[in-house]
Amino acid sequence: MKIGIADTNFARYDMARAAIKELKRGCSAEIIRYTVPGVKDLPVAAKILIEERGCCLVMALGMPGPKPIDKTCAHEASTGLIMAQLMTNTHIIEVFVHEDEADSEGELASLAERRTREHAENAIKLLYYPERLTREAGTGQREGFEDAGRVGD
């Protein structure tokens, strides 16, 4: 089994390192990394990892900046990732950390590390233990922040 990691050199934190570390800790899949310049390059990178490199799941890692144009680019990249999923019938786990989600560089690094690690755990569940995701349905899981928790019952 192969898991693809598509990341960018625009990011201010090496999210791929965090993803690879967590994936290696939790599964025995071969991990293939493909680094591109920015978030709008992630959809084709993910598609290449799936179609040409044989990955059964891809994590797309990006760190959009805080400006309105960065938000637009992140939205376009996200739309492209959804299209790539539909074109390949393969999960692409989008892991974006926006620079304005944190108040300091230390907090931004911590958020990037935690969100990436938690999404890597989700990737492992999708591939190896889907029943665990089903058990977590409706529990308000949040990657990178404290979980929101369940409402209503």
N, C-alpha and C. Protein backbone atom coordinates (compact mmCIF):
# COMPACT_ATOMS: atom_id res chain seq x y z
N MET A 1 0.85 -1.17 0.00
CA MET A 1 0.00 0.00 0.00
C MET A 1 0.90 1.24 0.00
N LYS A 2 0.48 2.28 -0.76
CA LYS A 2 1.24 3.52 -0.85
C LYS A 2 0.37 4.70 -0.45
N ILE A 3 0.96 5.59 0.34
CA ILE A 3 0.30 6.84 0.73
C ILE A 3 1.14 7.98 0.17
N GLY A 4 0.48 8.91 -0.53
CA GLY A 4 1.18 10.06 -1.08
C GLY A 4 1.10 11.26 -0.15
N ILE A 5 2.18 12.01 -0.13
CA ILE A 5 2.24 13.27 0.60
C ILE A 5 2.58 14.35 -0.41
N ALA A 6 1.64 15.25 -0.66
CA ALA A 6 1.89 16.39 -1.54
C ALA A 6 2.00 17.62 -0.64
N ASP A 7 3.15 18.30 -0.71
CA ASP A 7 3.34 19.48 0.13
C ASP A 7 3.94 20.61 -0.70
N THR A 8 4.12 21.78 -0.08
CA THR A 8 4.58 22.95 -0.81
C THR A 8 5.82 23.57 -0.15
N ASN A 9 6.62 24.23 -0.97
CA ASN A 9 7.73 24.97 -0.39
C ASN A 9 7.32 26.38 0.02
N PHE A 10 6.07 26.76 -0.25
CA PHE A 10 5.54 28.03 0.23
C PHE A 10 5.25 27.96 1.73
N ALA A 11 4.92 26.77 2.22
CA ALA A 11 4.58 26.60 3.64
C ALA A 11 5.75 27.03 4.52
N ARG A 12 5.43 27.55 5.68
CA ARG A 12 6.44 28.01 6.62
C ARG A 12 6.80 26.96 7.65
N TYR A 13 6.21 25.78 7.51
CA TYR A 13 6.48 24.67 8.44
C TYR A 13 6.52 23.39 7.60
N ASP A 14 7.42 22.49 7.93
CA ASP A 14 7.54 21.24 7.18
C ASP A 14 6.45 20.25 7.63
N MET A 15 5.26 20.46 7.11
CA MET A 15 4.12 19.63 7.47
C MET A 15 4.31 18.18 7.02
N ALA A 16 5.02 17.99 5.90
CA ALA A 16 5.24 16.63 5.40
C ALA A 16 6.05 15.81 6.41
N ARG A 17 7.01 16.43 7.04
CA ARG A 17 7.81 15.71 8.04
C ARG A 17 6.91 15.19 9.16
N ALA A 18 5.98 16.03 9.62
CA ALA A 18 5.05 15.62 10.66
C ALA A 18 4.15 14.49 10.19
N ALA A 19 3.65 14.59 8.95
CA ALA A 19 2.77 13.56 8.40
C ALA A 19 3.51 12.23 8.26
N ILE A 20 4.70 12.29 7.71
CA ILE A 20 5.48 11.07 7.49
C ILE A 20 5.80 10.39 8.82
N LYS A 21 6.18 11.17 9.80
CA LYS A 21 6.50 10.61 11.12
C LYS A 21 5.29 9.88 11.71
N GLU A 22 4.11 10.51 11.62
CA GLU A 22 2.90 9.91 12.18
C GLU A 22 2.48 8.68 11.38
N LEU A 23 2.57 8.75 10.07
CA LEU A 23 2.21 7.60 9.24
C LEU A 23 3.12 6.41 9.51
N LYS A 24 4.42 6.67 9.63
CA LYS A 24 5.36 5.59 9.92
C LYS A 24 5.10 4.97 11.29
N ARG A 25 4.65 5.79 12.22
CA ARG A 25 4.34 5.30 13.56
C ARG A 25 3.10 4.41 13.56
N GLY A 26 2.14 4.70 12.65
CA GLY A 26 0.86 4.03 12.71
C GLY A 26 0.57 2.99 11.64
N CYS A 27 1.43 2.87 10.63
CA CYS A 27 1.16 1.89 9.58
C CYS A 27 2.45 1.54 8.85
N SER A 28 2.35 0.55 7.98
CA SER A 28 3.54 0.09 7.25
C SER A 28 3.51 0.47 5.77
N ALA A 29 2.63 1.39 5.39
CA ALA A 29 2.52 1.78 3.99
C ALA A 29 3.80 2.46 3.51
N GLU A 30 4.08 2.30 2.22
CA GLU A 30 5.16 3.06 1.59
C GLU A 30 4.69 4.49 1.44
N ILE A 31 5.54 5.44 1.77
CA ILE A 31 5.17 6.85 1.70
C ILE A 31 5.96 7.51 0.58
N ILE A 32 5.23 8.20 -0.29
CA ILE A 32 5.85 8.89 -1.43
C ILE A 32 5.56 10.38 -1.31
N ARG A 33 6.62 11.16 -1.23
CA ARG A 33 6.49 12.62 -1.08
C ARG A 33 6.73 13.31 -2.42
N TYR A 34 5.88 14.32 -2.68
CA TYR A 34 5.99 15.12 -3.90
C TYR A 34 5.79 16.57 -3.49
N THR A 35 6.84 17.38 -3.58
CA THR A 35 6.78 18.78 -3.17
C THR A 35 6.62 19.68 -4.38
N VAL A 36 5.69 20.63 -4.28
CA VAL A 36 5.39 21.58 -5.35
C VAL A 36 5.50 23.00 -4.78
N PRO A 37 5.49 24.03 -5.63
CA PRO A 37 5.65 25.39 -5.12
C PRO A 37 4.55 25.87 -4.17
N GLY A 38 3.29 25.79 -4.58
CA GLY A 38 2.22 26.37 -3.77
C GLY A 38 0.95 25.55 -3.78
N VAL A 39 -0.06 26.02 -3.04
CA VAL A 39 -1.29 25.25 -2.85
C VAL A 39 -2.04 24.97 -4.15
N LYS A 40 -1.98 25.89 -5.11
CA LYS A 40 -2.70 25.65 -6.36
C LYS A 40 -2.05 24.56 -7.21
N ASP A 41 -0.84 24.15 -6.84
CA ASP A 41 -0.16 23.04 -7.51
C ASP A 41 -0.51 21.69 -6.89
N LEU A 42 -1.15 21.70 -5.73
CA LEU A 42 -1.45 20.46 -5.02
C LEU A 42 -2.41 19.52 -5.76
N PRO A 43 -3.46 20.02 -6.42
CA PRO A 43 -4.37 19.08 -7.09
C PRO A 43 -3.68 18.20 -8.13
N VAL A 44 -2.84 18.77 -8.97
CA VAL A 44 -2.17 17.93 -9.97
C VAL A 44 -1.13 17.03 -9.32
N ALA A 45 -0.48 17.52 -8.26
CA ALA A 45 0.48 16.66 -7.55
C ALA A 45 -0.23 15.44 -6.97
N ALA A 46 -1.40 15.67 -6.36
CA ALA A 46 -2.17 14.56 -5.80
C ALA A 46 -2.60 13.59 -6.89
N LYS A 47 -3.05 14.13 -8.02
CA LYS A 47 -3.49 13.28 -9.12
C LYS A 47 -2.33 12.46 -9.67
N ILE A 48 -1.16 13.05 -9.78
CA ILE A 48 0.03 12.31 -10.23
C ILE A 48 0.38 11.21 -9.23
N LEU A 49 0.34 11.53 -7.95
CA LEU A 49 0.65 10.51 -6.94
C LEU A 49 -0.31 9.33 -7.03
N ILE A 50 -1.56 9.60 -7.35
CA ILE A 50 -2.56 8.53 -7.46
C ILE A 50 -2.39 7.76 -8.76
N GLU A 51 -2.39 8.46 -9.88
CA GLU A 51 -2.43 7.80 -11.18
C GLU A 51 -1.08 7.28 -11.66
N GLU A 52 -0.02 7.98 -11.35
CA GLU A 52 1.30 7.57 -11.86
C GLU A 52 2.16 6.87 -10.82
N ARG A 53 1.92 7.14 -9.55
CA ARG A 53 2.74 6.55 -8.50
C ARG A 53 2.01 5.48 -7.70
N GLY A 54 0.71 5.28 -7.98
CA GLY A 54 -0.05 4.19 -7.38
C GLY A 54 -0.48 4.38 -5.94
N CYS A 55 -0.61 5.61 -5.50
CA CYS A 55 -1.02 5.86 -4.11
C CYS A 55 -2.52 5.62 -3.94
N CYS A 56 -2.88 5.01 -2.84
CA CYS A 56 -4.29 4.72 -2.57
C CYS A 56 -4.93 5.81 -1.72
N LEU A 57 -4.16 6.77 -1.27
CA LEU A 57 -4.64 7.92 -0.53
C LEU A 57 -3.53 8.96 -0.59
N VAL A 58 -3.92 10.24 -0.62
CA VAL A 58 -2.95 11.32 -0.63
C VAL A 58 -3.32 12.33 0.45
N MET A 59 -2.32 12.81 1.15
CA MET A 59 -2.49 13.96 2.04
C MET A 59 -1.93 15.17 1.30
N ALA A 60 -2.75 16.21 1.15
CA ALA A 60 -2.34 17.44 0.48
C ALA A 60 -2.14 18.51 1.56
N LEU A 61 -0.90 18.92 1.74
CA LEU A 61 -0.52 19.80 2.84
C LEU A 61 -0.17 21.19 2.33
N GLY A 62 -0.78 22.22 2.91
CA GLY A 62 -0.49 23.58 2.48
C GLY A 62 -0.68 24.58 3.60
N MET A 63 -0.03 25.73 3.44
CA MET A 63 -0.12 26.79 4.43
C MET A 63 -0.39 28.11 3.73
N PRO A 64 -1.66 28.38 3.42
CA PRO A 64 -2.00 29.64 2.77
C PRO A 64 -1.71 30.84 3.68
N GLY A 65 -1.33 31.93 3.05
CA GLY A 65 -1.05 33.16 3.80
C GLY A 65 -2.32 33.83 4.30
N PRO A 66 -2.16 34.99 4.95
CA PRO A 66 -3.29 35.65 5.62
C PRO A 66 -4.07 36.64 4.76
N LYS A 67 -3.59 36.95 3.56
CA LYS A 67 -4.22 37.99 2.76
C LYS A 67 -5.44 37.45 2.00
N PRO A 68 -6.34 38.34 1.60
CA PRO A 68 -7.52 37.89 0.84
C PRO A 68 -7.16 37.07 -0.40
N ILE A 69 -6.10 37.43 -1.11
CA ILE A 69 -5.72 36.66 -2.30
C ILE A 69 -5.32 35.25 -1.91
N ASP A 70 -4.70 35.10 -0.74
CA ASP A 70 -4.30 33.78 -0.25
C ASP A 70 -5.53 32.92 0.04
N LYS A 71 -6.56 33.54 0.58
CA LYS A 71 -7.82 32.82 0.84
C LYS A 71 -8.44 32.36 -0.47
N THR A 72 -8.40 33.22 -1.48
CA THR A 72 -8.94 32.85 -2.79
C THR A 72 -8.15 31.69 -3.38
N CYS A 73 -6.84 31.77 -3.31
CA CYS A 73 -6.00 30.68 -3.84
C CYS A 73 -6.26 29.38 -3.10
N ALA A 74 -6.43 29.45 -1.78
CA ALA A 74 -6.71 28.25 -0.99
C ALA A 74 -8.05 27.64 -1.41
N HIS A 75 -9.05 28.49 -1.65
CA HIS A 75 -10.35 27.99 -2.09
C HIS A 75 -10.23 27.32 -3.45
N GLU A 76 -9.49 27.93 -4.36
CA GLU A 76 -9.30 27.34 -5.69
C GLU A 76 -8.57 26.00 -5.58
N ALA A 77 -7.56 25.94 -4.73
CA ALA A 77 -6.83 24.68 -4.52
C ALA A 77 -7.74 23.62 -3.94
N SER A 78 -8.56 24.01 -2.99
CA SER A 78 -9.49 23.07 -2.38
C SER A 78 -10.48 22.52 -3.41
N THR A 79 -10.98 23.40 -4.25
CA THR A 79 -11.89 22.96 -5.32
C THR A 79 -11.18 21.99 -6.25
N GLY A 80 -9.92 22.28 -6.58
CA GLY A 80 -9.14 21.38 -7.43
C GLY A 80 -8.91 20.03 -6.77
N LEU A 81 -8.67 20.02 -5.47
CA LEU A 81 -8.48 18.76 -4.75
C LEU A 81 -9.76 17.92 -4.76
N ILE A 82 -10.89 18.58 -4.61
CA ILE A 82 -12.18 17.86 -4.68
C ILE A 82 -12.36 17.26 -6.08
N MET A 83 -12.04 18.05 -7.10
CA MET A 83 -12.15 17.54 -8.47
C MET A 83 -11.22 16.34 -8.69
N ALA A 84 -10.01 16.42 -8.17
CA ALA A 84 -9.06 15.32 -8.32
C ALA A 84 -9.57 14.07 -7.61
N GLN A 85 -10.20 14.24 -6.46
CA GLN A 85 -10.79 13.08 -5.76
C GLN A 85 -11.85 12.42 -6.63
N LEU A 86 -12.72 13.24 -7.19
CA LEU A 86 -13.81 12.70 -8.01
C LEU A 86 -13.29 12.07 -9.30
N MET A 87 -12.24 12.64 -9.87
CA MET A 87 -11.68 12.10 -11.11
C MET A 87 -10.95 10.77 -10.88
N THR A 88 -10.42 10.58 -9.68
CA THR A 88 -9.62 9.39 -9.40
C THR A 88 -10.32 8.41 -8.46
N ASN A 89 -11.45 8.81 -7.91
CA ASN A 89 -12.18 7.99 -6.95
C ASN A 89 -11.27 7.58 -5.77
N THR A 90 -10.46 8.54 -5.32
CA THR A 90 -9.48 8.30 -4.28
C THR A 90 -9.53 9.44 -3.27
N HIS A 91 -9.41 9.10 -2.00
CA HIS A 91 -9.40 10.13 -0.96
C HIS A 91 -8.13 10.98 -1.04
N ILE A 92 -8.35 12.29 -1.00
CA ILE A 92 -7.26 13.26 -0.85
C ILE A 92 -7.60 14.05 0.40
N ILE A 93 -6.80 13.87 1.43
CA ILE A 93 -7.05 14.54 2.71
C ILE A 93 -6.39 15.91 2.64
N GLU A 94 -7.22 16.95 2.58
CA GLU A 94 -6.71 18.32 2.53
C GLU A 94 -6.34 18.76 3.94
N VAL A 95 -5.10 19.19 4.10
CA VAL A 95 -4.62 19.68 5.40
C VAL A 95 -4.04 21.06 5.17
N PHE A 96 -4.86 22.07 5.34
CA PHE A 96 -4.42 23.45 5.19
C PHE A 96 -4.37 24.10 6.57
N VAL A 97 -3.32 24.84 6.81
CA VAL A 97 -3.19 25.66 8.01
C VAL A 97 -2.99 27.09 7.52
N HIS A 98 -3.98 27.92 7.76
CA HIS A 98 -3.90 29.32 7.33
C HIS A 98 -3.06 30.10 8.33
N GLU A 99 -2.17 30.93 7.83
CA GLU A 99 -1.25 31.66 8.70
C GLU A 99 -1.97 32.52 9.74
N ASP A 100 -3.18 32.97 9.44
CA ASP A 100 -3.88 33.82 10.40
C ASP A 100 -4.71 33.03 11.42
N GLU A 101 -4.54 31.72 11.47
CA GLU A 101 -5.21 30.91 12.49
C GLU A 101 -4.48 30.98 13.83
N ALA A 102 -3.29 31.53 13.86
CA ALA A 102 -2.49 31.58 15.08
C ALA A 102 -2.00 33.00 15.32
N ASP A 103 -1.73 33.30 16.58
CA ASP A 103 -1.29 34.64 16.97
C ASP A 103 0.23 34.81 17.00
N SER A 104 0.96 33.71 16.99
CA SER A 104 2.42 33.79 17.04
C SER A 104 3.01 32.68 16.17
N GLU A 105 4.29 32.81 15.87
CA GLU A 105 4.95 31.79 15.06
C GLU A 105 4.99 30.45 15.79
N GLY A 106 5.20 30.49 17.10
CA GLY A 106 5.22 29.25 17.89
C GLY A 106 3.86 28.56 17.87
N GLU A 107 2.81 29.35 17.98
CA GLU A 107 1.46 28.79 17.94
C GLU A 107 1.14 28.24 16.55
N LEU A 108 1.63 28.93 15.51
CA LEU A 108 1.42 28.47 14.13
C LEU A 108 2.12 27.13 13.90
N ALA A 109 3.35 27.02 14.38
CA ALA A 109 4.10 25.76 14.24
C ALA A 109 3.39 24.63 14.99
N SER A 110 2.93 24.92 16.19
CA SER A 110 2.23 23.91 16.98
C SER A 110 0.95 23.46 16.30
N LEU A 111 0.20 24.42 15.76
CA LEU A 111 -1.04 24.10 15.05
C LEU A 111 -0.75 23.26 13.81
N ALA A 112 0.27 23.63 13.05
CA ALA A 112 0.61 22.87 11.84
C ALA A 112 1.00 21.44 12.20
N GLU A 113 1.79 21.28 13.22
CA GLU A 113 2.22 19.95 13.66
C GLU A 113 1.01 19.11 14.10
N ARG A 114 0.19 19.67 14.96
CA ARG A 114 -0.94 18.92 15.51
C ARG A 114 -1.98 18.58 14.44
N ARG A 115 -2.34 19.57 13.62
CA ARG A 115 -3.36 19.31 12.59
C ARG A 115 -2.87 18.26 11.61
N THR A 116 -1.61 18.35 11.21
CA THR A 116 -1.06 17.39 10.26
C THR A 116 -1.04 15.99 10.87
N ARG A 117 -0.58 15.89 12.10
CA ARG A 117 -0.52 14.59 12.78
C ARG A 117 -1.91 13.97 12.91
N GLU A 118 -2.88 14.78 13.31
CA GLU A 118 -4.24 14.26 13.50
C GLU A 118 -4.87 13.84 12.17
N HIS A 119 -4.58 14.57 11.10
CA HIS A 119 -5.08 14.15 9.79
C HIS A 119 -4.37 12.88 9.30
N ALA A 120 -3.10 12.72 9.65
CA ALA A 120 -2.40 11.47 9.32
C ALA A 120 -3.06 10.30 10.04
N GLU A 121 -3.46 10.52 11.29
CA GLU A 121 -4.20 9.48 12.02
C GLU A 121 -5.50 9.15 11.30
N ASN A 122 -6.19 10.18 10.78
CA ASN A 122 -7.42 9.94 10.02
C ASN A 122 -7.15 9.15 8.75
N ALA A 123 -6.04 9.44 8.09
CA ALA A 123 -5.68 8.69 6.87
C ALA A 123 -5.49 7.22 7.20
N ILE A 124 -4.82 6.93 8.29
CA ILE A 124 -4.62 5.54 8.71
C ILE A 124 -5.97 4.88 9.00
N LYS A 125 -6.86 5.60 9.67
CA LYS A 125 -8.19 5.05 9.95
C LYS A 125 -8.95 4.77 8.65
N LEU A 126 -8.89 5.70 7.71
CA LEU A 126 -9.59 5.50 6.43
C LEU A 126 -9.12 4.23 5.73
N LEU A 127 -7.82 4.01 5.74
CA LEU A 127 -7.26 2.88 5.00
C LEU A 127 -7.32 1.55 5.76
N TYR A 128 -7.10 1.59 7.05
CA TYR A 128 -6.94 0.36 7.82
C TYR A 128 -8.08 0.07 8.81
N TYR A 129 -8.69 1.12 9.36
CA TYR A 129 -9.67 0.94 10.43
C TYR A 129 -10.89 1.85 10.23
N PRO A 130 -11.61 1.71 9.12
CA PRO A 130 -12.73 2.62 8.86
C PRO A 130 -13.82 2.59 9.94
N GLU A 131 -13.93 1.47 10.65
CA GLU A 131 -14.93 1.39 11.71
C GLU A 131 -14.64 2.38 12.84
N ARG A 132 -13.40 2.76 13.01
CA ARG A 132 -13.05 3.75 14.04
C ARG A 132 -13.61 5.12 13.69
N LEU A 133 -13.58 5.46 12.41
CA LEU A 133 -14.18 6.72 11.97
C LEU A 133 -15.69 6.69 12.21
N THR A 134 -16.30 5.56 11.94
CA THR A 134 -17.74 5.44 12.16
C THR A 134 -18.08 5.64 13.63
N ARG A 135 -17.27 5.08 14.52
CA ARG A 135 -17.50 5.27 15.96
C ARG A 135 -17.35 6.73 16.38
N GLU A 136 -16.52 7.47 15.67
CA GLU A 136 -16.29 8.88 15.99
C GLU A 136 -17.31 9.82 15.35
N ALA A 137 -18.18 9.30 14.49
CA ALA A 137 -19.16 10.14 13.79
C ALA A 137 -20.01 10.91 14.80
N GLY A 138 -20.17 12.19 14.54
CA GLY A 138 -21.01 13.02 15.39
C GLY A 138 -20.39 13.42 16.71
N THR A 139 -19.07 13.26 16.86
CA THR A 139 -18.44 13.58 18.14
C THR A 139 -17.69 14.92 18.12
N GLY A 140 -17.79 15.66 17.03
CA GLY A 140 -17.19 17.00 16.97
C GLY A 140 -15.67 17.02 16.96
N GLN A 141 -15.07 16.07 16.26
CA GLN A 141 -13.61 16.01 16.18
C GLN A 141 -13.08 17.25 15.43
N ARG A 142 -12.02 17.83 15.91
CA ARG A 142 -11.39 18.98 15.26
C ARG A 142 -9.90 18.72 15.18
N GLU A 143 -9.33 18.84 14.01
CA GLU A 143 -7.92 18.60 13.82
C GLU A 143 -7.14 19.90 14.05
N GLY A 144 -6.25 19.85 15.01
CA GLY A 144 -5.40 21.00 15.30
C GLY A 144 -5.86 21.81 16.50
N PHE A 145 -7.13 21.71 16.84
CA PHE A 145 -7.69 22.41 18.00
C PHE A 145 -8.38 21.38 18.90
N GLU A 146 -8.83 21.84 20.03
CA GLU A 146 -9.59 20.96 20.91
C GLU A 146 -10.87 20.53 20.19
N ASP A 147 -11.30 19.30 20.43
CA ASP A 147 -12.53 18.81 19.81
C ASP A 147 -13.72 19.63 20.31
N ALA A 148 -14.71 19.82 19.46
CA ALA A 148 -15.89 20.61 19.80
C ALA A 148 -16.86 19.81 20.67
N GLY A 149 -16.85 18.50 20.54
CA GLY A 149 -17.74 17.66 21.33
C GLY A 149 -19.10 17.47 20.69
N ARG A 150 -19.80 16.52 21.21
CA ARG A 150 -21.12 16.12 20.72
C ARG A 150 -22.18 17.11 21.23
N VAL A 151 -23.22 17.31 20.42
CA VAL A 151 -24.37 18.09 20.86
C VAL A 151 -25.63 17.26 20.75
N GLY A 152 -26.58 17.55 21.51
CA GLY A 152 -27.89 16.91 21.40
C GLY A 152 -27.92 15.44 21.74
N ASP A 153 -28.15 14.53 21.80
CA ASP A 153 -28.23 13.10 22.03
C ASP A 153 -29.58 12.85 22.46
